[in-house]
Amino acid sequence: MTDKPNSSEPDPLVVMGQAAAGAADASRTAAQRAVDASLVNLLTGHLKGQQQDGS
C-alpha cells in the first residue's frame, strides 16, 4: 500500500466507514420511528377499545 501525501483522494476505508455509519444511523432512526408509530397505534387502539367497552 503506497501513501500519496499530495493525493486529494480520501481513504477508501474512511469513506466506507462513514457510509456504513450513516446507513446504520438511518436504519436505526427508521426502526425507531416504526416502533414509535406502532406504540402510538397500540395505545390509541387500546384507548378506543376501552371507550367502546365503556359505552
PDB file of N, CA and C in Angstrom:
ATOM      1  N   MET A   1       0.859  -1.192   0.000  1.00  0.00           N
ATOM      2  CA  MET A   1       0.000   0.000   0.000  1.00  0.00           C
ATOM      3  C   MET A   1       0.897   1.244   0.000  1.00  0.00           C
ATOM      4  N   THR A   2       0.702   2.110  -0.975  1.00  0.00           N
ATOM      5  CA  THR A   2       1.566   3.288  -1.091  1.00  0.00           C
ATOM      6  C   THR A   2       0.793   4.527  -0.675  1.00  0.00           C
ATOM      7  N   ASP A   3       1.434   5.342   0.152  1.00  0.00           N
ATOM      8  CA  ASP A   3       0.810   6.598   0.581  1.00  0.00           C
ATOM      9  C   ASP A   3       1.211   7.712  -0.364  1.00  0.00           C
ATOM     10  N   LYS A   4       0.216   8.475  -0.819  1.00  0.00           N
ATOM     11  CA  LYS A   4       0.497   9.621  -1.677  1.00  0.00           C
ATOM     12  C   LYS A   4       0.103  10.880  -0.903  1.00  0.00           C
ATOM     13  N   PRO A   5       1.077  11.607  -0.340  1.00  0.00           N
ATOM     14  CA  PRO A   5       0.748  12.743   0.525  1.00  0.00           C
ATOM     15  C   PRO A   5      -0.017  13.850  -0.194  1.00  0.00           C
ATOM     16  N   ASN A   6       0.207  14.014  -1.500  1.00  0.00           N
ATOM     17  CA  ASN A   6      -0.458  15.095  -2.223  1.00  0.00           C
ATOM     18  C   ASN A   6      -1.783  14.647  -2.838  1.00  0.00           C
ATOM     19  N   SER A   7      -2.205  13.439  -2.503  1.00  0.00           N
ATOM     20  CA  SER A   7      -3.425  12.911  -3.101  1.00  0.00           C
ATOM     21  C   SER A   7      -4.657  13.595  -2.513  1.00  0.00           C
ATOM     22  N   SER A   8      -5.578  13.984  -3.367  1.00  0.00           N
ATOM     23  CA  SER A   8      -6.823  14.577  -2.900  1.00  0.00           C
ATOM     24  C   SER A   8      -7.893  13.497  -2.707  1.00  0.00           C
ATOM     25  N   GLU A   9      -7.539  12.274  -3.046  1.00  0.00           N
ATOM     26  CA  GLU A   9      -8.490  11.167  -2.875  1.00  0.00           C
ATOM     27  C   GLU A   9      -8.598  10.800  -1.408  1.00  0.00           C
ATOM     28  N   PRO A  10      -9.812  10.709  -0.860  1.00  0.00           N
ATOM     29  CA  PRO A  10      -9.962  10.267   0.518  1.00  0.00           C
ATOM     30  C   PRO A  10      -9.671   8.773   0.640  1.00  0.00           C
ATOM     31  N   ASP A  11      -9.311   8.347   1.822  1.00  0.00           N
ATOM     32  CA  ASP A  11      -9.018   6.937   2.068  1.00  0.00           C
ATOM     33  C   ASP A  11     -10.298   6.128   1.868  1.00  0.00           C
ATOM     34  N   PRO A  12     -10.280   5.119   0.984  1.00  0.00           N
ATOM     35  CA  PRO A  12     -11.499   4.327   0.739  1.00  0.00           C
ATOM     36  C   PRO A  12     -12.069   3.711   2.011  1.00  0.00           C
ATOM     37  N   LEU A  13     -11.194   3.306   2.926  1.00  0.00           N
ATOM     38  CA  LEU A  13     -11.691   2.714   4.175  1.00  0.00           C
ATOM     39  C   LEU A  13     -12.447   3.743   5.004  1.00  0.00           C
ATOM     40  N   VAL A  14     -11.954   4.966   5.012  1.00  0.00           N
ATOM     41  CA  VAL A  14     -12.640   6.027   5.757  1.00  0.00           C
ATOM     42  C   VAL A  14     -14.003   6.299   5.132  1.00  0.00           C
ATOM     43  N   VAL A  15     -14.022   6.375   3.799  1.00  0.00           N
ATOM     44  CA  VAL A  15     -15.283   6.629   3.087  1.00  0.00           C
ATOM     45  C   VAL A  15     -16.288   5.512   3.367  1.00  0.00           C
ATOM     46  N   MET A  16     -15.810   4.272   3.283  1.00  0.00           N
ATOM     47  CA  MET A  16     -16.706   3.129   3.543  1.00  0.00           C
ATOM     48  C   MET A  16     -17.197   3.152   4.976  1.00  0.00           C
ATOM     49  N   GLY A  17     -16.313   3.487   5.914  1.00  0.00           N
ATOM     50  CA  GLY A  17     -16.710   3.547   7.320  1.00  0.00           C
ATOM     51  C   GLY A  17     -17.770   4.603   7.560  1.00  0.00           C
ATOM     52  N   GLN A  18     -17.576   5.768   6.942  1.00  0.00           N
ATOM     53  CA  GLN A  18     -18.556   6.834   7.103  1.00  0.00           C
ATOM     54  C   GLN A  18     -19.889   6.442   6.478  1.00  0.00           C
ATOM     55  N   ALA A  19     -19.852   5.801   5.312  1.00  0.00           N
ATOM     56  CA  ALA A  19     -21.081   5.381   4.642  1.00  0.00           C
ATOM     57  C   ALA A  19     -21.809   4.336   5.479  1.00  0.00           C
ATOM     58  N   ALA A  20     -21.044   3.395   6.040  1.00  0.00           N
ATOM     59  CA  ALA A  20     -21.660   2.352   6.866  1.00  0.00           C
ATOM     60  C   ALA A  20     -22.271   2.961   8.121  1.00  0.00           C
ATOM     61  N   ALA A  21     -21.563   3.912   8.729  1.00  0.00           N
ATOM     62  CA  ALA A  21     -22.090   4.553   9.929  1.00  0.00           C
ATOM     63  C   ALA A  21     -23.362   5.326   9.593  1.00  0.00           C
ATOM     64  N   GLY A  22     -23.368   6.016   8.453  1.00  0.00           N
ATOM     65  CA  GLY A  22     -24.551   6.769   8.051  1.00  0.00           C
ATOM     66  C   GLY A  22     -25.735   5.848   7.777  1.00  0.00           C
ATOM     67  N   ALA A  23     -25.474   4.724   7.124  1.00  0.00           N
ATOM     68  CA  ALA A  23     -26.550   3.773   6.821  1.00  0.00           C
ATOM     69  C   ALA A  23     -27.096   3.167   8.111  1.00  0.00           C
ATOM     70  N   ALA A  24     -26.205   2.833   9.041  1.00  0.00           N
ATOM     71  CA  ALA A  24     -26.650   2.255  10.310  1.00  0.00           C
ATOM     72  C   ALA A  24     -27.491   3.264  11.080  1.00  0.00           C
ATOM     73  N   ASP A  25     -27.067   4.525  11.065  1.00  0.00           N
ATOM     74  CA  ASP A  25     -27.803   5.570  11.772  1.00  0.00           C
ATOM     75  C   ASP A  25     -29.180   5.752  11.141  1.00  0.00           C
ATOM     76  N   ALA A  26     -29.243   5.765   9.809  1.00  0.00           N
ATOM     77  CA  ALA A  26     -30.514   5.948   9.114  1.00  0.00           C
ATOM     78  C   ALA A  26     -31.465   4.794   9.403  1.00  0.00           C
ATOM     79  N   SER A  27     -30.950   3.567   9.371  1.00  0.00           N
ATOM     80  CA  SER A  27     -31.820   2.421   9.621  1.00  0.00           C
ATOM     81  C   SER A  27     -32.271   2.396  11.075  1.00  0.00           C
ATOM     82  N   ARG A  28     -31.407   2.864  11.984  1.00  0.00           N
ATOM     83  CA  ARG A  28     -31.792   2.889  13.396  1.00  0.00           C
ATOM     84  C   ARG A  28     -32.920   3.889  13.607  1.00  0.00           C
ATOM     85  N   THR A  29     -32.820   5.077  13.007  1.00  0.00           N
ATOM     86  CA  THR A  29     -33.876   6.068  13.191  1.00  0.00           C
ATOM     87  C   THR A  29     -35.164   5.601  12.514  1.00  0.00           C
ATOM     88  N   ALA A  30     -35.053   4.926  11.380  1.00  0.00           N
ATOM     89  CA  ALA A  30     -36.244   4.399  10.710  1.00  0.00           C
ATOM     90  C   ALA A  30     -36.907   3.341  11.582  1.00  0.00           C
ATOM     91  N   ALA A  31     -36.099   2.477  12.178  1.00  0.00           N
ATOM     92  CA  ALA A  31     -36.653   1.454  13.066  1.00  0.00           C
ATOM     93  C   ALA A  31     -37.281   2.111  14.289  1.00  0.00           C
ATOM     94  N   GLN A  32     -36.635   3.148  14.813  1.00  0.00           N
ATOM     95  CA  GLN A  32     -37.186   3.844  15.983  1.00  0.00           C
ATOM     96  C   GLN A  32     -38.523   4.482  15.638  1.00  0.00           C
ATOM     97  N   ARG A  33     -38.611   5.066  14.432  1.00  0.00           N
ATOM     98  CA  ARG A  33     -39.877   5.676  14.013  1.00  0.00           C
ATOM     99  C   ARG A  33     -40.963   4.611  13.886  1.00  0.00           C
ATOM    100  N   ALA A  34     -40.604   3.458  13.356  1.00  0.00           N
ATOM    101  CA  ALA A  34     -41.584   2.384  13.205  1.00  0.00           C
ATOM    102  C   ALA A  34     -42.069   1.918  14.575  1.00  0.00           C
ATOM    103  N   VAL A  35     -41.137   1.789  15.518  1.00  0.00           N
ATOM    104  CA  VAL A  35     -41.521   1.385  16.873  1.00  0.00           C
ATOM    105  C   VAL A  35     -42.423   2.430  17.500  1.00  0.00           C
ATOM    106  N   ASP A  36     -42.051   3.704  17.363  1.00  0.00           N
ATOM    107  CA  ASP A  36     -42.873   4.775  17.924  1.00  0.00           C
ATOM    108  C   ASP A  36     -44.278   4.743  17.322  1.00  0.00           C
ATOM    109  N   ALA A  37     -44.360   4.573  16.006  1.00  0.00           N
ATOM    110  CA  ALA A  37     -45.654   4.565  15.340  1.00  0.00           C
ATOM    111  C   ALA A  37     -46.504   3.397  15.820  1.00  0.00           C
ATOM    112  N   SER A  38     -45.894   2.221  15.961  1.00  0.00           N
ATOM    113  CA  SER A  38     -46.670   1.063  16.396  1.00  0.00           C
ATOM    114  C   SER A  38     -47.105   1.226  17.851  1.00  0.00           C
ATOM    115  N   LEU A  39     -46.263   1.842  18.681  1.00  0.00           N
ATOM    116  CA  LEU A  39     -46.667   2.087  20.069  1.00  0.00           C
ATOM    117  C   LEU A  39     -47.849   3.043  20.117  1.00  0.00           C
ATOM    118  N   VAL A  40     -47.793   4.098  19.310  1.00  0.00           N
ATOM    119  CA  VAL A  40     -48.899   5.054  19.264  1.00  0.00           C
ATOM    120  C   VAL A  40     -50.168   4.359  18.802  1.00  0.00           C
ATOM    121  N   ASN A  41     -50.043   3.521  17.764  1.00  0.00           N
ATOM    122  CA  ASN A  41     -51.219   2.800  17.262  1.00  0.00           C
ATOM    123  C   ASN A  41     -51.787   1.873  18.325  1.00  0.00           C
ATOM    124  N   LEU A  42     -50.905   1.183  19.041  1.00  0.00           N
ATOM    125  CA  LEU A  42     -51.370   0.287  20.094  1.00  0.00           C
ATOM    126  C   LEU A  42     -52.082   1.064  21.194  1.00  0.00           C
ATOM    127  N   LEU A  43     -51.492   2.170  21.616  1.00  0.00           N
ATOM    128  CA  LEU A  43     -52.077   2.954  22.700  1.00  0.00           C
ATOM    129  C   LEU A  43     -53.417   3.539  22.281  1.00  0.00           C
ATOM    130  N   THR A  44     -53.478   4.139  21.086  1.00  0.00           N
ATOM    131  CA  THR A  44     -54.738   4.744  20.655  1.00  0.00           C
ATOM    132  C   THR A  44     -55.790   3.664  20.433  1.00  0.00           C
ATOM    133  N   GLY A  45     -55.391   2.537  19.881  1.00  0.00           N
ATOM    134  CA  GLY A  45     -56.338   1.439  19.680  1.00  0.00           C
ATOM    135  C   GLY A  45     -56.851   0.912  21.019  1.00  0.00           C
ATOM    136  N   HIS A  46     -55.977   0.824  21.990  1.00  0.00           N
ATOM    137  CA  HIS A  46     -56.368   0.347  23.321  1.00  0.00           C
ATOM    138  C   HIS A  46     -57.348   1.328  23.966  1.00  0.00           C
ATOM    139  N   LEU A  47     -57.057   2.627  23.846  1.00  0.00           N
ATOM    140  CA  LEU A  47     -57.932   3.636  24.424  1.00  0.00           C
ATOM    141  C   LEU A  47     -59.292   3.629  23.734  1.00  0.00           C
ATOM    142  N   LYS A  48     -59.299   3.509  22.412  1.00  0.00           N
ATOM    143  CA  LYS A  48     -60.561   3.450  21.691  1.00  0.00           C
ATOM    144  C   LYS A  48     -61.353   2.225  22.119  1.00  0.00           C
ATOM    145  N   GLY A  49     -60.658   1.100  22.275  1.00  0.00           N
ATOM    146  CA  GLY A  49     -61.319  -0.134  22.731  1.00  0.00           C
ATOM    147  C   GLY A  49     -61.939   0.051  24.106  1.00  0.00           C
ATOM    148  N   GLN A  50     -61.248   0.729  24.999  1.00  0.00           N
ATOM    149  CA  GLN A  50     -61.779   0.956  26.350  1.00  0.00           C
ATOM    150  C   GLN A  50     -63.020   1.838  26.275  1.00  0.00           C
ATOM    151  N   GLN A  51     -62.959   2.863  25.430  1.00  0.00           N
ATOM    152  CA  GLN A  51     -64.111   3.763  25.326  1.00  0.00           C
ATOM    153  C   GLN A  51     -65.320   3.012  24.770  1.00  0.00           C
ATOM    154  N   GLN A  52     -65.103   2.145  23.793  1.00  0.00           N
ATOM    155  CA  GLN A  52     -66.207   1.387  23.221  1.00  0.00           C
ATOM    156  C   GLN A  52     -66.766   0.394  24.248  1.00  0.00           C
ATOM    157  N   ASP A  53     -65.867  -0.202  25.043  1.00  0.00           N
ATOM    158  CA  ASP A  53     -66.343  -1.132  26.064  1.00  0.00           C
ATOM    159  C   ASP A  53     -67.170  -0.414  27.123  1.00  0.00           C
ATOM    160  N   GLY A  54     -66.814   0.820  27.432  1.00  0.00           N
ATOM    161  CA  GLY A  54     -67.493   1.566  28.485  1.00  0.00           C
ATOM    162  C   GLY A  54     -68.900   1.959  28.091  1.00  0.00           C
ATOM    163  N   SER A  55     -69.174   2.099  26.807  1.00  0.00           N
ATOM    164  CA  SER A  55     -70.489   2.588  26.392  1.00  0.00           C
ATOM    165  C   SER A  55     -71.470   1.457  26.214  1.00  0.00           C
TER     166      SER A  55
END
